[in-house]
Amino acid sequence: MDKTRVSVVSYLNSRPFMYGLQHAEVLKKLDVTPDIPSKVAAKLAFNQTDIGLIPVAGLEDLDEYYIIGDYCIGAVGKVKTVVIVSDVPIEEVDTILMDYQSRSSVLLAKVLAKFWWKKEFTWENTCNDFHRVSIAGKTAGVVIGDRVFEIENQYKYLYDLSEEWLRFTGLPFVFAVWAANKKIESSLVTEFNEALKLGISEISQTIDNLQIEYPGVDIAGYFAQNISFELDEQKKAGMKRFLELARKLEPVETGK
């Protein structure tokens, strides 16, 4: 029997999901691969995987999709690992570097720029290590994932994008959802969700296993205070609002 291909974001915030999948019977039916968010979206779009923890913005690129999970990577307020960092206040920033690892986070920054901060920026593409060497002066950067832990104390200003979104809309933000690019057998969907539930219910195991990998990071606090995993109605409303606003964005000036 062919296994169902699953692409999982390889960040700290998704590790409880990985734990659940690895410790559930459904793993026998799956081929699980860790990826960065942008690659998850591309693999779903080109049918290189069947199920993915896909950035919400990536859903728009799929010919069809089915949200199959009861869980997501979301936040109600501060998420900690999706930020804009800079040497100067956002009012003085003129250029923002776009993290190449996640289009959703960059799109969130653009939505906030237009509709919340009401400010125009030049947006520039990036490559590896941009977060260490290219953010300076009036050039800020969108930085996501585990790399935020490395640089969060290096810059004078840090804007948590999920916190800004809550201030703007009063809604939680959903960064990624479990989606398939085709219909998945209902029994497998049930088993898959049970595995995700297992990972959340045994999150203390993930914390114990990972603490040595993240010295100095309060993993327990991060999961308890910053990440919200249940895809509830408020999060669905936030996701809908985000996609509506993202569709209203006009092409923005892009630098090098």
Protein backbone atom coordinates (compact mmCIF):
# COMPACT_ATOMS: atom_id res chain seq x y z
CA MET A 1 0.00 0.00 0.00
CA ASP A 2 1.34 3.42 -0.94
CA LYS A 3 1.93 5.64 2.04
CA THR A 4 0.34 9.08 2.32
CA ARG A 5 3.02 11.73 1.98
CA VAL A 6 3.05 14.35 4.74
CA SER A 7 5.14 17.54 4.78
CA VAL A 8 5.64 19.14 8.20
CA VAL A 9 7.14 22.53 9.00
CA SER A 10 10.43 21.91 10.79
CA TYR A 11 10.19 24.60 13.46
CA LEU A 12 9.90 24.35 17.23
CA ASN A 13 6.21 25.27 17.11
CA SER A 14 5.35 22.17 15.05
CA ARG A 15 7.35 19.67 17.07
CA PRO A 16 4.37 18.57 19.20
CA PHE A 17 2.66 17.56 15.96
CA MET A 18 5.75 15.63 14.88
CA TYR A 19 5.85 13.89 18.26
CA GLY A 20 2.22 12.83 17.91
CA LEU A 21 2.69 11.50 14.39
CA GLN A 22 5.81 9.58 15.38
CA HIS A 23 4.12 7.93 18.36
CA ALA A 24 0.79 6.98 16.79
CA GLU A 25 -0.24 3.90 14.81
CA VAL A 26 -1.08 6.07 11.81
CA LEU A 27 2.67 6.56 11.22
CA LYS A 28 2.70 3.17 9.48
CA LYS A 29 0.53 4.71 6.77
CA LEU A 30 2.55 7.91 6.38
CA ASP A 31 5.78 9.12 4.81
CA VAL A 32 6.60 12.22 6.92
CA THR A 33 9.13 14.82 5.76
CA PRO A 34 10.23 18.01 7.59
CA ASP A 35 10.41 21.16 5.44
CA ILE A 36 10.46 24.95 5.69
CA PRO A 37 7.02 26.58 5.21
CA SER A 38 7.57 27.77 1.64
CA LYS A 39 8.60 24.28 0.58
CA VAL A 40 5.48 22.73 2.14
CA ALA A 41 3.34 25.04 0.00
CA ALA A 42 5.32 24.27 -3.15
CA LYS A 43 5.18 20.51 -2.59
CA LEU A 44 1.39 20.63 -2.18
CA ALA A 45 1.02 22.82 -5.26
CA PHE A 46 3.11 20.46 -7.42
CA ASN A 47 1.63 17.27 -5.95
CA GLN A 48 4.91 16.23 -4.34
CA THR A 49 3.08 15.63 -1.07
CA ASP A 50 -0.50 14.78 -0.11
CA ILE A 51 -0.92 16.54 3.25
CA GLY A 52 1.00 19.51 4.53
CA LEU A 53 1.18 21.93 7.43
CA ILE A 54 0.85 24.76 4.94
CA PRO A 55 1.18 28.51 5.50
CA VAL A 56 -2.27 30.04 5.11
CA ALA A 57 -1.20 32.24 2.19
CA GLY A 58 -0.15 29.11 0.31
CA LEU A 59 -3.75 27.86 0.19
CA GLU A 60 -4.45 30.43 -2.52
CA ASP A 61 -1.95 28.70 -4.83
CA LEU A 62 -3.68 25.31 -4.77
CA ASP A 63 -6.20 24.31 -7.42
CA GLU A 64 -8.21 22.66 -4.66
CA TYR A 65 -7.60 22.05 -0.99
CA TYR A 66 -9.21 20.42 1.99
CA ILE A 67 -8.44 21.56 5.53
CA ILE A 68 -8.31 18.22 7.31
CA GLY A 69 -6.96 19.03 10.73
CA ASP A 70 -8.64 20.26 13.89
CA TYR A 71 -5.30 21.84 14.77
CA CYS A 72 -3.10 24.61 13.43
CA ILE A 73 -0.17 26.85 14.24
CA GLY A 74 -1.94 29.89 15.61
CA ALA A 75 -1.64 32.61 18.22
CA VAL A 76 -3.92 34.82 20.25
CA GLY A 77 -1.71 37.85 20.64
CA LYS A 78 2.06 37.55 20.88
CA VAL A 79 3.50 34.58 18.95
CA LYS A 80 7.17 35.43 19.61
CA THR A 81 8.59 33.77 16.48
CA VAL A 82 7.12 35.94 13.69
CA VAL A 83 8.51 39.45 14.01
CA ILE A 84 9.87 42.55 12.36
CA VAL A 85 13.13 43.68 13.94
CA SER A 86 14.87 46.99 13.36
CA ASP A 87 17.27 49.58 14.74
CA VAL A 88 14.67 52.34 14.44
CA PRO A 89 10.91 52.65 15.09
CA ILE A 90 8.64 51.33 12.35
CA GLU A 91 7.72 54.95 11.48
CA GLU A 92 11.34 55.56 10.43
CA VAL A 93 11.88 52.31 8.53
CA ASP A 94 12.03 52.67 4.74
CA THR A 95 12.98 49.13 3.65
CA ILE A 96 11.84 45.73 4.90
CA LEU A 97 13.70 42.52 4.09
CA MET A 98 11.33 39.62 3.43
CA ASP A 99 12.12 36.29 5.08
CA TYR A 100 12.37 33.77 2.24
CA GLN A 101 11.10 30.92 4.42
CA SER A 102 7.44 31.95 4.72
CA ARG A 103 5.23 33.93 2.38
CA SER A 104 2.38 34.07 4.92
CA SER A 105 4.44 36.00 7.44
CA VAL A 106 5.63 38.43 4.77
CA LEU A 107 2.07 38.83 3.54
CA LEU A 108 0.95 39.53 7.11
CA ALA A 109 3.61 42.24 7.34
CA LYS A 110 2.32 43.79 4.10
CA VAL A 111 -1.29 43.67 5.30
CA LEU A 112 -0.30 45.38 8.54
CA ALA A 113 1.76 47.96 6.66
CA LYS A 114 -1.15 48.97 4.44
CA PHE A 115 -4.17 48.65 6.70
CA TRP A 116 -2.77 49.10 10.25
CA TRP A 117 0.44 51.12 10.12
CA LYS A 118 -0.67 52.85 6.89
CA LYS A 119 2.90 53.19 5.70
CA GLU A 120 4.67 52.33 2.45
CA PHE A 121 7.97 50.45 2.39
CA THR A 122 10.38 49.09 -0.15
CA TRP A 123 10.35 45.28 0.12
CA GLU A 124 13.50 43.32 -0.67
CA ASN A 125 14.07 39.60 -1.15
CA THR A 126 16.62 37.75 0.98
CA CYS A 127 18.73 34.63 1.22
CA ASN A 128 20.50 32.68 3.99
CA ASP A 129 21.80 34.61 7.01
CA PHE A 130 20.12 37.89 6.07
CA HIS A 131 18.82 38.15 9.64
CA ARG A 132 22.39 38.29 10.95
CA VAL A 133 24.04 40.64 8.49
CA SER A 134 21.59 42.81 6.55
CA ILE A 135 19.28 44.44 9.10
CA ALA A 136 20.65 47.87 10.02
CA GLY A 137 19.75 51.54 10.04
CA LYS A 138 16.41 52.12 8.34
CA THR A 139 16.35 48.60 6.92
CA ALA A 140 14.21 46.25 9.00
CA GLY A 141 13.52 42.56 8.47
CA VAL A 142 10.71 40.05 8.78
CA VAL A 143 12.22 37.10 10.65
CA ILE A 144 10.35 33.93 11.46
CA GLY A 145 10.79 30.61 13.20
CA ASP A 146 13.56 29.43 15.46
CA ARG A 147 15.98 32.07 14.15
CA VAL A 148 14.07 34.69 16.13
CA PHE A 149 15.47 33.17 19.32
CA GLU A 150 18.97 33.94 18.00
CA ILE A 151 18.41 37.61 17.24
CA GLU A 152 15.53 38.83 19.42
CA ASN A 153 17.84 40.73 21.76
CA GLN A 154 20.11 42.16 19.06
CA TYR A 155 17.82 44.92 17.85
CA LYS A 156 16.31 47.88 19.63
CA TYR A 157 12.83 47.40 18.13
CA LEU A 158 10.86 44.17 17.77
CA TYR A 159 7.31 44.07 16.44
CA ASP A 160 5.46 40.83 17.04
CA LEU A 161 3.22 40.48 13.97
CA SER A 162 0.56 38.34 15.62
CA GLU A 163 0.30 40.83 18.48
CA GLU A 164 -0.03 43.67 15.96
CA TRP A 165 -2.72 41.68 14.12
CA LEU A 166 -4.73 41.26 17.34
CA ARG A 167 -4.48 44.99 18.03
CA PHE A 168 -5.67 45.71 14.51
CA THR A 169 -8.54 43.19 14.17
CA GLY A 170 -9.28 41.81 17.63
CA LEU A 171 -8.85 38.33 16.14
CA PRO A 172 -6.29 35.54 16.59
CA PHE A 173 -3.95 34.75 13.72
CA VAL A 174 -3.46 31.42 11.97
CA PHE A 175 -0.03 30.91 10.45
CA ALA A 176 -0.43 27.38 9.12
CA VAL A 177 -3.13 24.73 8.79
CA TRP A 178 -3.17 21.03 7.96
CA ALA A 179 -4.46 20.75 4.40
CA ALA A 180 -4.57 18.18 1.62
CA ASN A 181 -4.57 18.83 -2.12
CA LYS A 182 -7.01 15.97 -2.70
CA LYS A 183 -9.72 14.17 -0.77
CA ILE A 184 -8.28 11.94 1.95
CA GLU A 185 -10.08 8.85 3.19
CA SER A 186 -12.14 9.83 6.23
CA SER A 187 -10.73 7.04 8.41
CA LEU A 188 -7.19 8.29 7.76
CA VAL A 189 -8.23 11.86 8.56
CA THR A 190 -9.62 10.65 11.89
CA GLU A 191 -6.42 8.75 12.71
CA PHE A 192 -4.33 11.73 11.64
CA ASN A 193 -6.22 14.09 13.94
CA GLU A 194 -5.91 11.62 16.80
CA ALA A 195 -2.14 11.66 16.30
CA LEU A 196 -2.08 15.47 16.39
CA LYS A 197 -4.20 15.40 19.53
CA LEU A 198 -1.74 12.96 21.10
CA GLY A 199 1.13 15.34 20.40
CA ILE A 200 -0.68 18.24 22.05
CA SER A 201 -1.81 16.20 25.06
CA GLU A 202 1.74 14.92 25.66
CA ILE A 203 3.44 18.24 24.99
CA SER A 204 5.54 17.86 28.15
CA GLN A 205 7.39 15.04 26.39
CA THR A 206 8.27 17.36 23.54
CA ILE A 207 9.50 19.98 26.00
CA ASP A 208 11.72 17.47 27.82
CA ASN A 209 13.13 16.10 24.57
CA LEU A 210 13.89 19.50 23.05
CA GLN A 211 15.19 21.60 25.94
CA ILE A 212 18.78 20.57 25.27
CA GLU A 213 18.43 21.75 21.65
CA TYR A 214 17.20 25.19 22.73
CA PRO A 215 19.38 26.31 25.65
CA GLY A 216 18.12 29.53 27.12
CA VAL A 217 14.68 29.24 25.50
CA ASP A 218 11.65 28.86 27.77
CA ILE A 219 9.99 26.16 25.64
CA ALA A 220 7.24 25.46 28.17
CA GLY A 221 6.37 29.15 28.30
CA TYR A 222 6.47 29.41 24.51
CA PHE A 223 3.95 26.60 24.04
CA ALA A 224 1.75 27.75 26.92
CA GLN A 225 1.73 31.49 26.22
CA ASN A 226 2.50 32.01 22.54
CA ILE A 227 1.28 29.07 20.43
CA SER A 228 -2.38 28.11 20.23
CA PHE A 229 -2.99 24.83 18.44
CA GLU A 230 -6.79 24.43 18.24
CA LEU A 231 -8.37 25.56 14.98
CA ASP A 232 -11.50 27.04 16.55
CA GLU A 233 -14.13 29.39 15.11
CA GLN A 234 -12.29 32.55 16.18
CA LYS A 235 -9.16 31.42 14.40
CA LYS A 236 -11.17 30.55 11.29
CA ALA A 237 -12.61 34.07 11.39
CA GLY A 238 -9.10 35.51 11.70
CA MET A 239 -7.90 33.40 8.80
CA LYS A 240 -10.82 34.52 6.63
CA ARG A 241 -10.18 38.18 7.47
CA PHE A 242 -6.49 37.87 6.65
CA LEU A 243 -7.13 36.32 3.24
CA GLU A 244 -9.73 38.97 2.44
CA LEU A 245 -7.28 41.77 3.21
CA ALA A 246 -4.41 40.03 1.42
CA ARG A 247 -6.48 39.93 -1.77
CA LYS A 248 -6.90 43.72 -1.57
CA LEU A 249 -3.17 44.37 -1.60
CA GLU A 250 -1.84 46.12 -4.66
CA PRO A 251 1.56 45.20 -6.08
CA VAL A 252 4.21 46.80 -3.89
CA GLU A 253 7.57 48.24 -4.85
CA THR A 254 10.21 45.56 -4.57
CA GLY A 255 13.91 46.21 -4.32
CA LYS A 256 16.78 43.98 -5.29
